[in-house]
Amino acid sequence: MGEQSTFKRTIKRSWSVSPKPGSGSHLQVARVLEPGHWAEFDPFLVMMEDWFRQGTFGFHPHRGIETVTFVLEGSLKHEDNHGGRGVLRPGDVQWMTAGRGIIHSEDPLPGETVHSLQLWINLPKSAKMTEPRYQDLQAQDAPVRRVEGGFVRVFGGASGDTSAATLQHQPVKIVEIVLDAEAILTEPMPADYNGFLYILEGNGHFGKEQSYGEHGQVLWLDRSEEAAESELTIQAKQPLRALLIAGKPIGEPVVAYGPFVMNSREEIVQAYADYEQGKFGPIPQ
C-alpha cells in the first residue's frame, strides 16, 4: 500500500487520570474512560483503574458486554457461574464475554492488594445474547512482536504480522507497548478504528504532530473513514510502557444501567427481570 493511502494518526485530545480514595477494601479508583461518551468512544463504554483488597467485587451479574481486565499488581482470582475460574498475576489479562448473562466475582488472593484496569467493550446487537465465555490470557503465552529497542505484546487483534488467537465478537486491538528510551515504533491499525493510549510508565512523543504524553495520561487518537489503513508513530523519551486499545465502532444505540448494556430501555428491564428470575444461572456458593 502506498505512502499516500496510509493515514497518519494524530492525538485528537488527551487527559490525565486522577485516582480518588475509595471506601473500605476499595482503596482507590480512577476513571480512565468516563461512561456516557457512547458515540465518541464506541465500541468502548468505560475503563476503570482500581486498587482493592479481598471482598470488594463479590458475585455480580453482567449482560450485553465484554470485560477485559489487566492485572498490573497483585494476584486476582476470577470465578463465574459458567465454570470459568483462574488466578491472574501481573501482566495477565482476563477477557470475559458476558453475552446473555453471567454472574462472576473478582477477588484478590488473601492478604494481597490488586491494582488493575478494567475495560468494558460493547457487544453488537447480534451478539448481546450470545453464550458467555471466559478467556485467560497469560502474559508469557501472548504473542510478541519484537522491534528495535522494545516489543509489542498482543492480547487482541494484531501488531504487524503478529496476531493473537483471542476470540472476538467485535474487532478490537489490544496491545502492550514497551520501549527503551529513544526507541521509535510505528504501529499499524485500521484507519476507521476508534483508539487510545493509556501510558502506564514513562513518557514520549506520539503521532504525526509528536504530541507529548506521560505516565497517567490518556491520548485519544483521531481516525479516518476514507483511508483503509493507518499508523501511529511513538517515540519514547524515557523508558515507556503503554496500552494501545482500538476497535471498530458499532454505531448502534446504547442504553446502560448498572451492570447491563443493551440497545433499548425495554431490554434493560428484561435483563433485570431475567436476573431476578434466576435465568442467569445460580450464584456460586
C-alpha atoms as a PDB file:
ATOM      1  CA  MET A   1       0.000   0.000   0.000  1.00  0.00           C
ATOM      2  CA  GLY A   2       1.425   3.368  -0.957  1.00  0.00           C
ATOM      3  CA  GLU A   3       2.520   6.047   1.453  1.00  0.00           C
ATOM      4  CA  GLN A   4      -0.337   8.386   0.486  1.00  0.00           C
ATOM      5  CA  SER A   5      -3.002   5.798   1.305  1.00  0.00           C
ATOM      6  CA  THR A   6      -1.860   5.268   4.903  1.00  0.00           C
ATOM      7  CA  PHE A   7      -3.493   7.664   7.358  1.00  0.00           C
ATOM      8  CA  LYS A   8      -1.017   9.124   9.880  1.00  0.00           C
ATOM      9  CA  ARG A   9      -2.667   9.228  13.270  1.00  0.00           C
ATOM     10  CA  THR A  10      -2.510  12.310  15.495  1.00  0.00           C
ATOM     11  CA  ILE A  11      -3.613  12.849  19.097  1.00  0.00           C
ATOM     12  CA  LYS A  12      -7.106  14.339  18.994  1.00  0.00           C
ATOM     13  CA  ARG A  13      -7.212  15.112  22.718  1.00  0.00           C
ATOM     14  CA  SER A  14      -5.630  13.992  25.984  1.00  0.00           C
ATOM     15  CA  TRP A  15      -6.454  13.983  29.670  1.00  0.00           C
ATOM     16  CA  SER A  16      -4.851  12.995  32.960  1.00  0.00           C
ATOM     17  CA  VAL A  17      -6.250  10.224  35.132  1.00  0.00           C
ATOM     18  CA  SER A  18      -6.606  11.140  38.829  1.00  0.00           C
ATOM     19  CA  PRO A  19      -7.156   8.363  41.380  1.00  0.00           C
ATOM     20  CA  LYS A  20      -9.571   9.170  44.209  1.00  0.00           C
ATOM     21  CA  PRO A  21      -9.945   7.465  47.594  1.00  0.00           C
ATOM     22  CA  GLY A  22     -12.322   4.507  47.630  1.00  0.00           C
ATOM     23  CA  SER A  23     -14.090   3.087  50.663  1.00  0.00           C
ATOM     24  CA  GLY A  24     -13.402   0.043  52.799  1.00  0.00           C
ATOM     25  CA  SER A  25     -11.422  -2.560  50.860  1.00  0.00           C
ATOM     26  CA  HIS A  26     -11.712  -0.453  47.680  1.00  0.00           C
ATOM     27  CA  LEU A  27      -8.630   1.671  48.345  1.00  0.00           C
ATOM     28  CA  GLN A  28      -8.512   3.883  45.242  1.00  0.00           C
ATOM     29  CA  VAL A  29     -10.448   4.275  41.995  1.00  0.00           C
ATOM     30  CA  ALA A  30      -9.912   6.280  38.813  1.00  0.00           C
ATOM     31  CA  ARG A  31     -11.938   6.707  35.624  1.00  0.00           C
ATOM     32  CA  VAL A  32      -9.689   6.220  32.615  1.00  0.00           C
ATOM     33  CA  LEU A  33     -12.615   6.395  30.176  1.00  0.00           C
ATOM     34  CA  GLU A  34     -15.654   8.173  31.626  1.00  0.00           C
ATOM     35  CA  PRO A  35     -19.013   6.489  30.988  1.00  0.00           C
ATOM     36  CA  GLY A  36     -21.622   8.264  28.885  1.00  0.00           C
ATOM     37  CA  HIS A  37     -19.487   9.054  25.835  1.00  0.00           C
ATOM     38  CA  TRP A  38     -21.114   6.237  23.896  1.00  0.00           C
ATOM     39  CA  ALA A  39     -20.764   7.636  20.355  1.00  0.00           C
ATOM     40  CA  GLU A  40     -17.297   9.143  20.852  1.00  0.00           C
ATOM     41  CA  PHE A  41     -15.714   6.073  22.497  1.00  0.00           C
ATOM     42  CA  ASP A  42     -17.649   3.411  20.500  1.00  0.00           C
ATOM     43  CA  PRO A  43     -17.180   0.406  20.895  1.00  0.00           C
ATOM     44  CA  PHE A  44     -15.675   1.172  24.319  1.00  0.00           C
ATOM     45  CA  LEU A  45     -18.001   2.005  27.209  1.00  0.00           C
ATOM     46  CA  VAL A  46     -15.872   2.695  30.273  1.00  0.00           C
ATOM     47  CA  MET A  47     -12.420   1.896  31.650  1.00  0.00           C
ATOM     48  CA  MET A  48     -11.709   1.919  35.374  1.00  0.00           C
ATOM     49  CA  GLU A  49      -8.470   1.707  37.328  1.00  0.00           C
ATOM     50  CA  ASP A  50      -8.779   0.138  40.776  1.00  0.00           C
ATOM     51  CA  TRP A  51      -6.668  -0.603  43.837  1.00  0.00           C
ATOM     52  CA  PHE A  52      -8.511  -3.071  46.082  1.00  0.00           C
ATOM     53  CA  ARG A  53      -8.338  -5.867  48.640  1.00  0.00           C
ATOM     54  CA  GLN A  54     -10.384  -9.005  49.191  1.00  0.00           C
ATOM     55  CA  GLY A  55     -14.150  -8.513  49.405  1.00  0.00           C
ATOM     56  CA  THR A  56     -14.529  -5.570  47.006  1.00  0.00           C
ATOM     57  CA  PHE A  57     -16.028  -7.225  43.910  1.00  0.00           C
ATOM     58  CA  GLY A  58     -18.110 -10.181  45.018  1.00  0.00           C
ATOM     59  CA  PHE A  59     -20.504 -12.086  42.757  1.00  0.00           C
ATOM     60  CA  HIS A  60     -22.417  -9.745  40.433  1.00  0.00           C
ATOM     61  CA  PRO A  61     -24.116 -10.039  37.020  1.00  0.00           C
ATOM     62  CA  HIS A  62     -23.421  -8.649  33.525  1.00  0.00           C
ATOM     63  CA  ARG A  63     -25.232  -8.795  30.189  1.00  0.00           C
ATOM     64  CA  GLY A  64     -24.541  -7.332  26.741  1.00  0.00           C
ATOM     65  CA  ILE A  65     -20.830  -6.561  27.139  1.00  0.00           C
ATOM     66  CA  GLU A  66     -17.326  -7.964  27.318  1.00  0.00           C
ATOM     67  CA  THR A  67     -14.965  -7.027  30.146  1.00  0.00           C
ATOM     68  CA  VAL A  68     -11.195  -7.020  29.681  1.00  0.00           C
ATOM     69  CA  THR A  69      -9.206  -6.914  32.929  1.00  0.00           C
ATOM     70  CA  PHE A  70      -5.469  -6.098  33.058  1.00  0.00           C
ATOM     71  CA  VAL A  71      -3.655  -7.017  36.266  1.00  0.00           C
ATOM     72  CA  LEU A  72      -0.872  -4.527  36.987  1.00  0.00           C
ATOM     73  CA  GLU A  73       0.000  -5.592  40.541  1.00  0.00           C
ATOM     74  CA  GLY A  74      -1.078  -8.405  42.858  1.00  0.00           C
ATOM     75  CA  SER A  75      -2.855 -11.725  42.236  1.00  0.00           C
ATOM     76  CA  LEU A  76      -6.529 -11.712  41.204  1.00  0.00           C
ATOM     77  CA  LYS A  77      -8.811 -14.740  41.469  1.00  0.00           C
ATOM     78  CA  HIS A  78     -11.718 -14.901  39.000  1.00  0.00           C
ATOM     79  CA  GLU A  79     -14.736 -17.197  39.227  1.00  0.00           C
ATOM     80  CA  ASP A  80     -18.030 -17.286  37.324  1.00  0.00           C
ATOM     81  CA  ASN A  81     -21.166 -19.437  37.254  1.00  0.00           C
ATOM     82  CA  HIS A  82     -20.344 -20.963  33.855  1.00  0.00           C
ATOM     83  CA  GLY A  83     -17.272 -22.859  35.043  1.00  0.00           C
ATOM     84  CA  GLY A  84     -14.670 -20.201  34.388  1.00  0.00           C
ATOM     85  CA  ARG A  85     -12.066 -19.660  37.078  1.00  0.00           C
ATOM     86  CA  GLY A  86      -8.392 -18.868  37.421  1.00  0.00           C
ATOM     87  CA  VAL A  87      -5.745 -16.658  39.004  1.00  0.00           C
ATOM     88  CA  LEU A  88      -4.305 -13.709  37.110  1.00  0.00           C
ATOM     89  CA  ARG A  89      -0.919 -12.258  38.015  1.00  0.00           C
ATOM     90  CA  PRO A  90       0.850  -9.040  36.949  1.00  0.00           C
ATOM     91  CA  GLY A  91       0.839  -8.729  33.166  1.00  0.00           C
ATOM     92  CA  ASP A  92      -2.037 -11.187  32.668  1.00  0.00           C
ATOM     93  CA  VAL A  93      -5.365 -10.339  31.050  1.00  0.00           C
ATOM     94  CA  GLN A  94      -8.865 -11.756  31.519  1.00  0.00           C
ATOM     95  CA  TRP A  95     -11.285 -11.421  28.572  1.00  0.00           C
ATOM     96  CA  MET A  96     -14.821 -12.230  29.678  1.00  0.00           C
ATOM     97  CA  THR A  97     -17.837 -12.263  27.375  1.00  0.00           C
ATOM     98  CA  ALA A  98     -20.971 -11.711  29.445  1.00  0.00           C
ATOM     99  CA  GLY A  99     -23.296 -12.177  26.467  1.00  0.00           C
ATOM    100  CA  ARG A 100     -26.811 -13.202  27.517  1.00  0.00           C
ATOM    101  CA  GLY A 101     -25.847 -13.258  31.173  1.00  0.00           C
ATOM    102  CA  ILE A 102     -23.116 -14.231  33.596  1.00  0.00           C
ATOM    103  CA  ILE A 103     -22.503 -13.924  37.337  1.00  0.00           C
ATOM    104  CA  HIS A 104     -18.876 -13.564  38.382  1.00  0.00           C
ATOM    105  CA  SER A 105     -16.523 -12.350  41.092  1.00  0.00           C
ATOM    106  CA  GLU A 106     -13.043 -10.794  41.065  1.00  0.00           C
ATOM    107  CA  ASP A 107     -11.165 -11.152  44.336  1.00  0.00           C
ATOM    108  CA  PRO A 108      -7.515 -10.659  45.347  1.00  0.00           C
ATOM    109  CA  LEU A 109      -5.796 -13.589  46.999  1.00  0.00           C
ATOM    110  CA  PRO A 110      -5.707 -13.352  50.815  1.00  0.00           C
ATOM    111  CA  GLY A 111      -3.524 -10.501  52.092  1.00  0.00           C
ATOM    112  CA  GLU A 112      -2.897  -9.051  48.624  1.00  0.00           C
ATOM    113  CA  THR A 113      -3.743  -5.690  47.103  1.00  0.00           C
ATOM    114  CA  VAL A 114      -4.592  -5.790  43.404  1.00  0.00           C
ATOM    115  CA  HIS A 115      -4.003  -2.862  41.047  1.00  0.00           C
ATOM    116  CA  SER A 116      -5.988  -3.440  37.868  1.00  0.00           C
ATOM    117  CA  LEU A 117      -7.595  -1.864  34.826  1.00  0.00           C
ATOM    118  CA  GLN A 118     -10.969  -2.993  33.541  1.00  0.00           C
ATOM    119  CA  LEU A 119     -12.314  -2.078  30.123  1.00  0.00           C
ATOM    120  CA  TRP A 120     -15.941  -2.611  29.116  1.00  0.00           C
ATOM    121  CA  ILE A 121     -16.403  -3.345  25.400  1.00  0.00           C
ATOM    122  CA  ASN A 122     -19.878  -3.079  23.916  1.00  0.00           C
ATOM    123  CA  LEU A 123     -21.300  -6.036  22.021  1.00  0.00           C
ATOM    124  CA  PRO A 124     -23.254  -5.510  18.798  1.00  0.00           C
ATOM    125  CA  LYS A 125     -26.975  -6.282  18.931  1.00  0.00           C
ATOM    126  CA  SER A 126     -26.347  -9.534  17.049  1.00  0.00           C
ATOM    127  CA  ALA A 127     -24.054 -10.786  19.860  1.00  0.00           C
ATOM    128  CA  LYS A 128     -25.626  -9.338  23.022  1.00  0.00           C
ATOM    129  CA  MET A 129     -27.405 -12.607  23.807  1.00  0.00           C
ATOM    130  CA  THR A 130     -24.520 -14.861  22.797  1.00  0.00           C
ATOM    131  CA  GLU A 131     -23.261 -17.676  25.004  1.00  0.00           C
ATOM    132  CA  PRO A 132     -20.955 -16.411  27.797  1.00  0.00           C
ATOM    133  CA  ARG A 133     -17.271 -17.351  27.643  1.00  0.00           C
ATOM    134  CA  TYR A 134     -14.046 -16.678  29.507  1.00  0.00           C
ATOM    135  CA  GLN A 135     -10.522 -16.390  28.111  1.00  0.00           C
ATOM    136  CA  ASP A 136      -7.443 -16.338  30.355  1.00  0.00           C
ATOM    137  CA  LEU A 137      -4.585 -14.563  28.546  1.00  0.00           C
ATOM    138  CA  GLN A 138      -1.332 -15.116  30.418  1.00  0.00           C
ATOM    139  CA  ALA A 139       1.449 -12.636  29.626  1.00  0.00           C
ATOM    140  CA  GLN A 140       4.001 -15.379  28.949  1.00  0.00           C
ATOM    141  CA  ASP A 141       1.715 -17.001  26.368  1.00  0.00           C
ATOM    142  CA  ALA A 142       0.739 -13.855  24.462  1.00  0.00           C
ATOM    143  CA  PRO A 143       2.392 -13.430  21.033  1.00  0.00           C
ATOM    144  CA  VAL A 144       5.121 -10.779  20.949  1.00  0.00           C
ATOM    145  CA  ARG A 145       6.305  -8.585  18.077  1.00  0.00           C
ATOM    146  CA  ARG A 146       9.957  -7.679  18.625  1.00  0.00           C
ATOM    147  CA  VAL A 147      11.079  -4.237  17.466  1.00  0.00           C
ATOM    148  CA  GLU A 148      14.329  -2.330  17.810  1.00  0.00           C
ATOM    149  CA  GLY A 149      14.505  -1.116  21.400  1.00  0.00           C
ATOM    150  CA  GLY A 150      11.415  -2.900  22.659  1.00  0.00           C
ATOM    151  CA  PHE A 151       8.430  -5.136  21.982  1.00  0.00           C
ATOM    152  CA  VAL A 152       4.675  -5.201  21.459  1.00  0.00           C
ATOM    153  CA  ARG A 153       2.696  -7.880  23.339  1.00  0.00           C
ATOM    154  CA  VAL A 154      -0.561  -8.708  21.548  1.00  0.00           C
ATOM    155  CA  PHE A 155      -3.654  -9.601  23.611  1.00  0.00           C
ATOM    156  CA  GLY A 156      -6.240  -8.921  20.904  1.00  0.00           C
ATOM    157  CA  GLY A 157      -6.102  -8.334  17.157  1.00  0.00           C
ATOM    158  CA  ALA A 158      -2.689  -7.905  15.561  1.00  0.00           C
ATOM    159  CA  SER A 159       0.515  -5.871  15.558  1.00  0.00           C
ATOM    160  CA  GLY A 160       2.043  -6.070  12.097  1.00  0.00           C
ATOM    161  CA  ASP A 161       2.316  -9.781  11.243  1.00  0.00           C
ATOM    162  CA  THR A 162       1.885 -10.860  14.891  1.00  0.00           C
ATOM    163  CA  SER A 163      -1.679 -11.879  15.762  1.00  0.00           C
ATOM    164  CA  ALA A 164      -3.453 -13.052  18.904  1.00  0.00           C
ATOM    165  CA  ALA A 165      -5.801 -16.039  18.828  1.00  0.00           C
ATOM    166  CA  THR A 166      -8.267 -14.269  21.157  1.00  0.00           C
ATOM    167  CA  LEU A 167     -11.891 -14.879  20.152  1.00  0.00           C
ATOM    168  CA  GLN A 168     -13.815 -11.669  19.469  1.00  0.00           C
ATOM    169  CA  HIS A 169     -17.364 -10.667  18.533  1.00  0.00           C
ATOM    170  CA  GLN A 170     -16.309  -7.105  17.614  1.00  0.00           C
ATOM    171  CA  PRO A 171     -12.872  -6.396  16.085  1.00  0.00           C
ATOM    172  CA  VAL A 172     -10.647  -4.956  18.840  1.00  0.00           C
ATOM    173  CA  LYS A 173      -6.878  -4.468  19.018  1.00  0.00           C
ATOM    174  CA  ILE A 174      -5.291  -4.557  22.486  1.00  0.00           C
ATOM    175  CA  VAL A 175      -1.505  -4.414  22.775  1.00  0.00           C
ATOM    176  CA  GLU A 176       1.025  -3.626  25.469  1.00  0.00           C
ATOM    177  CA  ILE A 177       3.901  -1.479  24.190  1.00  0.00           C
ATOM    178  CA  VAL A 178       7.271  -1.486  25.992  1.00  0.00           C
ATOM    179  CA  LEU A 179      10.075   0.705  24.613  1.00  0.00           C
ATOM    180  CA  ASP A 180      13.538   1.752  25.763  1.00  0.00           C
ATOM    181  CA  ALA A 181      14.382   5.459  25.941  1.00  0.00           C
ATOM    182  CA  GLU A 182      14.668   6.996  22.442  1.00  0.00           C
ATOM    183  CA  ALA A 183      13.203   3.903  20.743  1.00  0.00           C
ATOM    184  CA  ILE A 184      10.754   4.570  17.895  1.00  0.00           C
ATOM    185  CA  LEU A 185       7.763   2.388  16.996  1.00  0.00           C
ATOM    186  CA  THR A 186       5.338   2.624  14.093  1.00  0.00           C
ATOM    187  CA  GLU A 187       2.167   0.738  14.994  1.00  0.00           C
ATOM    188  CA  PRO A 188      -0.414  -0.089  12.297  1.00  0.00           C
ATOM    189  CA  MET A 189      -4.200  -0.378  12.712  1.00  0.00           C
ATOM    190  CA  PRO A 190      -7.304   0.026  10.535  1.00  0.00           C
ATOM    191  CA  ALA A 191      -7.943   3.713   9.883  1.00  0.00           C
ATOM    192  CA  ASP A 192     -11.615   3.641  10.931  1.00  0.00           C
ATOM    193  CA  TYR A 193     -10.939   2.194  14.405  1.00  0.00           C
ATOM    194  CA  ASN A 194     -11.513   4.394  17.431  1.00  0.00           C
ATOM    195  CA  GLY A 195      -8.493   4.121  19.693  1.00  0.00           C
ATOM    196  CA  PHE A 196      -6.465   5.443  22.609  1.00  0.00           C
ATOM    197  CA  LEU A 197      -3.238   5.016  24.530  1.00  0.00           C
ATOM    198  CA  TYR A 198      -3.014   4.802  28.299  1.00  0.00           C
ATOM    199  CA  ILE A 199       0.525   5.492  29.495  1.00  0.00           C
ATOM    200  CA  LEU A 200       1.490   3.261  32.424  1.00  0.00           C
ATOM    201  CA  GLU A 201       5.156   4.295  32.732  1.00  0.00           C
ATOM    202  CA  GLY A 202       7.489   6.894  31.232  1.00  0.00           C
ATOM    203  CA  ASN A 203       6.807   9.490  28.571  1.00  0.00           C
ATOM    204  CA  GLY A 204       7.336  10.246  24.915  1.00  0.00           C
ATOM    205  CA  HIS A 205       6.052  11.863  21.743  1.00  0.00           C
ATOM    206  CA  PHE A 206       3.094  10.459  19.854  1.00  0.00           C
ATOM    207  CA  GLY A 207       1.530  10.752  16.432  1.00  0.00           C
ATOM    208  CA  LYS A 208       2.166  12.799  13.322  1.00  0.00           C
ATOM    209  CA  GLU A 209       2.469  16.043  15.334  1.00  0.00           C
ATOM    210  CA  GLN A 210       4.706  14.438  18.011  1.00  0.00           C
ATOM    211  CA  SER A 211       2.348  15.328  20.849  1.00  0.00           C
ATOM    212  CA  TYR A 212       3.849  14.877  24.298  1.00  0.00           C
ATOM    213  CA  GLY A 213       2.348  12.323  26.693  1.00  0.00           C
ATOM    214  CA  GLU A 214       3.379  10.985  30.086  1.00  0.00           C
ATOM    215  CA  HIS A 215       2.535   8.486  32.810  1.00  0.00           C
ATOM    216  CA  GLY A 216      -1.103   8.684  33.880  1.00  0.00           C
ATOM    217  CA  GLN A 217      -2.398  10.257  30.668  1.00  0.00           C
ATOM    218  CA  VAL A 218      -4.908   9.033  28.100  1.00  0.00           C
ATOM    219  CA  LEU A 219      -4.178  10.006  24.494  1.00  0.00           C
ATOM    220  CA  TRP A 220      -7.274   9.733  22.287  1.00  0.00           C
ATOM    221  CA  LEU A 221      -6.475   9.177  18.605  1.00  0.00           C
ATOM    222  CA  ASP A 222      -8.100  10.715  15.554  1.00  0.00           C
ATOM    223  CA  ARG A 223      -9.454   8.390  12.857  1.00  0.00           C
ATOM    224  CA  SER A 224     -10.364   8.336   9.175  1.00  0.00           C
ATOM    225  CA  GLU A 225     -13.243   6.712   7.306  1.00  0.00           C
ATOM    226  CA  GLU A 226     -11.633   7.472   3.930  1.00  0.00           C
ATOM    227  CA  ALA A 227      -8.354   5.549   4.310  1.00  0.00           C
ATOM    228  CA  ALA A 228      -8.157   1.775   4.832  1.00  0.00           C
ATOM    229  CA  GLU A 229      -5.010   1.624   6.957  1.00  0.00           C
ATOM    230  CA  SER A 230      -3.377   3.941   9.478  1.00  0.00           C
ATOM    231  CA  GLU A 231      -0.261   4.064  11.601  1.00  0.00           C
ATOM    232  CA  LEU A 232       0.709   5.658  14.873  1.00  0.00           C
ATOM    233  CA  THR A 233       4.306   6.736  15.463  1.00  0.00           C
ATOM    234  CA  ILE A 234       5.619   6.556  19.030  1.00  0.00           C
ATOM    235  CA  GLN A 235       8.996   7.837  20.213  1.00  0.00           C
ATOM    236  CA  ALA A 236       9.883   7.087  23.813  1.00  0.00           C
ATOM    237  CA  LYS A 237      11.670   9.850  25.676  1.00  0.00           C
ATOM    238  CA  GLN A 238      12.069   7.845  28.880  1.00  0.00           C
ATOM    239  CA  PRO A 239      11.507   4.062  29.093  1.00  0.00           C
ATOM    240  CA  LEU A 240       7.867   3.693  28.102  1.00  0.00           C
ATOM    241  CA  ARG A 241       5.094   1.237  28.879  1.00  0.00           C
ATOM    242  CA  ALA A 242       1.632   1.855  27.462  1.00  0.00           C
ATOM    243  CA  LEU A 243      -1.547   0.103  26.434  1.00  0.00           C
ATOM    244  CA  LEU A 244      -2.861   0.778  22.944  1.00  0.00           C
ATOM    245  CA  ILE A 245      -6.530  -0.111  22.548  1.00  0.00           C
ATOM    246  CA  ALA A 246      -8.508   0.347  19.334  1.00  0.00           C
ATOM    247  CA  GLY A 247     -11.723  -1.080  17.929  1.00  0.00           C
ATOM    248  CA  LYS A 248     -14.227  -0.866  15.110  1.00  0.00           C
ATOM    249  CA  PRO A 249     -17.228   1.302  16.066  1.00  0.00           C
ATOM    250  CA  ILE A 250     -20.596  -0.465  16.236  1.00  0.00           C
ATOM    251  CA  GLY A 251     -22.851   2.529  15.550  1.00  0.00           C
ATOM    252  CA  GLU A 252     -25.903   1.232  17.466  1.00  0.00           C
ATOM    253  CA  PRO A 253     -27.984   2.779  20.289  1.00  0.00           C
ATOM    254  CA  VAL A 254     -26.559   2.272  23.783  1.00  0.00           C
ATOM    255  CA  VAL A 255     -28.712   2.027  26.900  1.00  0.00           C
ATOM    256  CA  ALA A 256     -26.683   1.286  30.025  1.00  0.00           C
ATOM    257  CA  TYR A 257     -27.968   0.754  33.544  1.00  0.00           C
ATOM    258  CA  GLY A 258     -25.878  -0.791  36.299  1.00  0.00           C
ATOM    259  CA  PRO A 259     -24.080  -3.925  35.050  1.00  0.00           C
ATOM    260  CA  PHE A 260     -26.195  -4.281  31.882  1.00  0.00           C
ATOM    261  CA  VAL A 261     -25.692  -2.588  28.487  1.00  0.00           C
ATOM    262  CA  MET A 262     -28.332  -3.135  25.806  1.00  0.00           C
ATOM    263  CA  ASN A 263     -29.909  -1.286  22.859  1.00  0.00           C
ATOM    264  CA  SER A 264     -33.189  -0.207  24.480  1.00  0.00           C
ATOM    265  CA  ARG A 265     -34.758   0.519  27.852  1.00  0.00           C
ATOM    266  CA  GLU A 266     -37.079  -2.454  27.364  1.00  0.00           C
ATOM    267  CA  GLU A 267     -34.070  -4.772  27.044  1.00  0.00           C
ATOM    268  CA  ILE A 268     -32.623  -3.373  30.282  1.00  0.00           C
ATOM    269  CA  VAL A 269     -35.910  -4.044  32.085  1.00  0.00           C
ATOM    270  CA  GLN A 270     -35.867  -7.582  30.672  1.00  0.00           C
ATOM    271  CA  ALA A 271     -32.274  -8.101  31.818  1.00  0.00           C
ATOM    272  CA  TYR A 272     -33.185  -7.229  35.415  1.00  0.00           C
ATOM    273  CA  ALA A 273     -36.264  -9.468  35.254  1.00  0.00           C
ATOM    274  CA  ASP A 274     -34.233 -12.374  33.873  1.00  0.00           C
ATOM    275  CA  TYR A 275     -31.589 -11.952  36.582  1.00  0.00           C
ATOM    276  CA  GLU A 276     -34.166 -11.821  39.376  1.00  0.00           C
ATOM    277  CA  GLN A 277     -35.896 -14.921  37.965  1.00  0.00           C
ATOM    278  CA  GLY A 278     -32.627 -16.890  38.037  1.00  0.00           C
ATOM    279  CA  LYS A 279     -32.201 -17.058  34.256  1.00  0.00           C
ATOM    280  CA  PHE A 280     -28.508 -16.077  34.573  1.00  0.00           C
ATOM    281  CA  GLY A 281     -27.950 -19.311  36.444  1.00  0.00           C
ATOM    282  CA  PRO A 282     -27.187 -19.967  40.123  1.00  0.00           C
ATOM    283  CA  ILE A 283     -24.858 -17.796  42.160  1.00  0.00           C
ATOM    284  CA  PRO A 284     -21.799 -19.897  43.160  1.00  0.00           C
ATOM    285  CA  GLN A 285     -21.617 -20.729  46.844  1.00  0.00           C
END
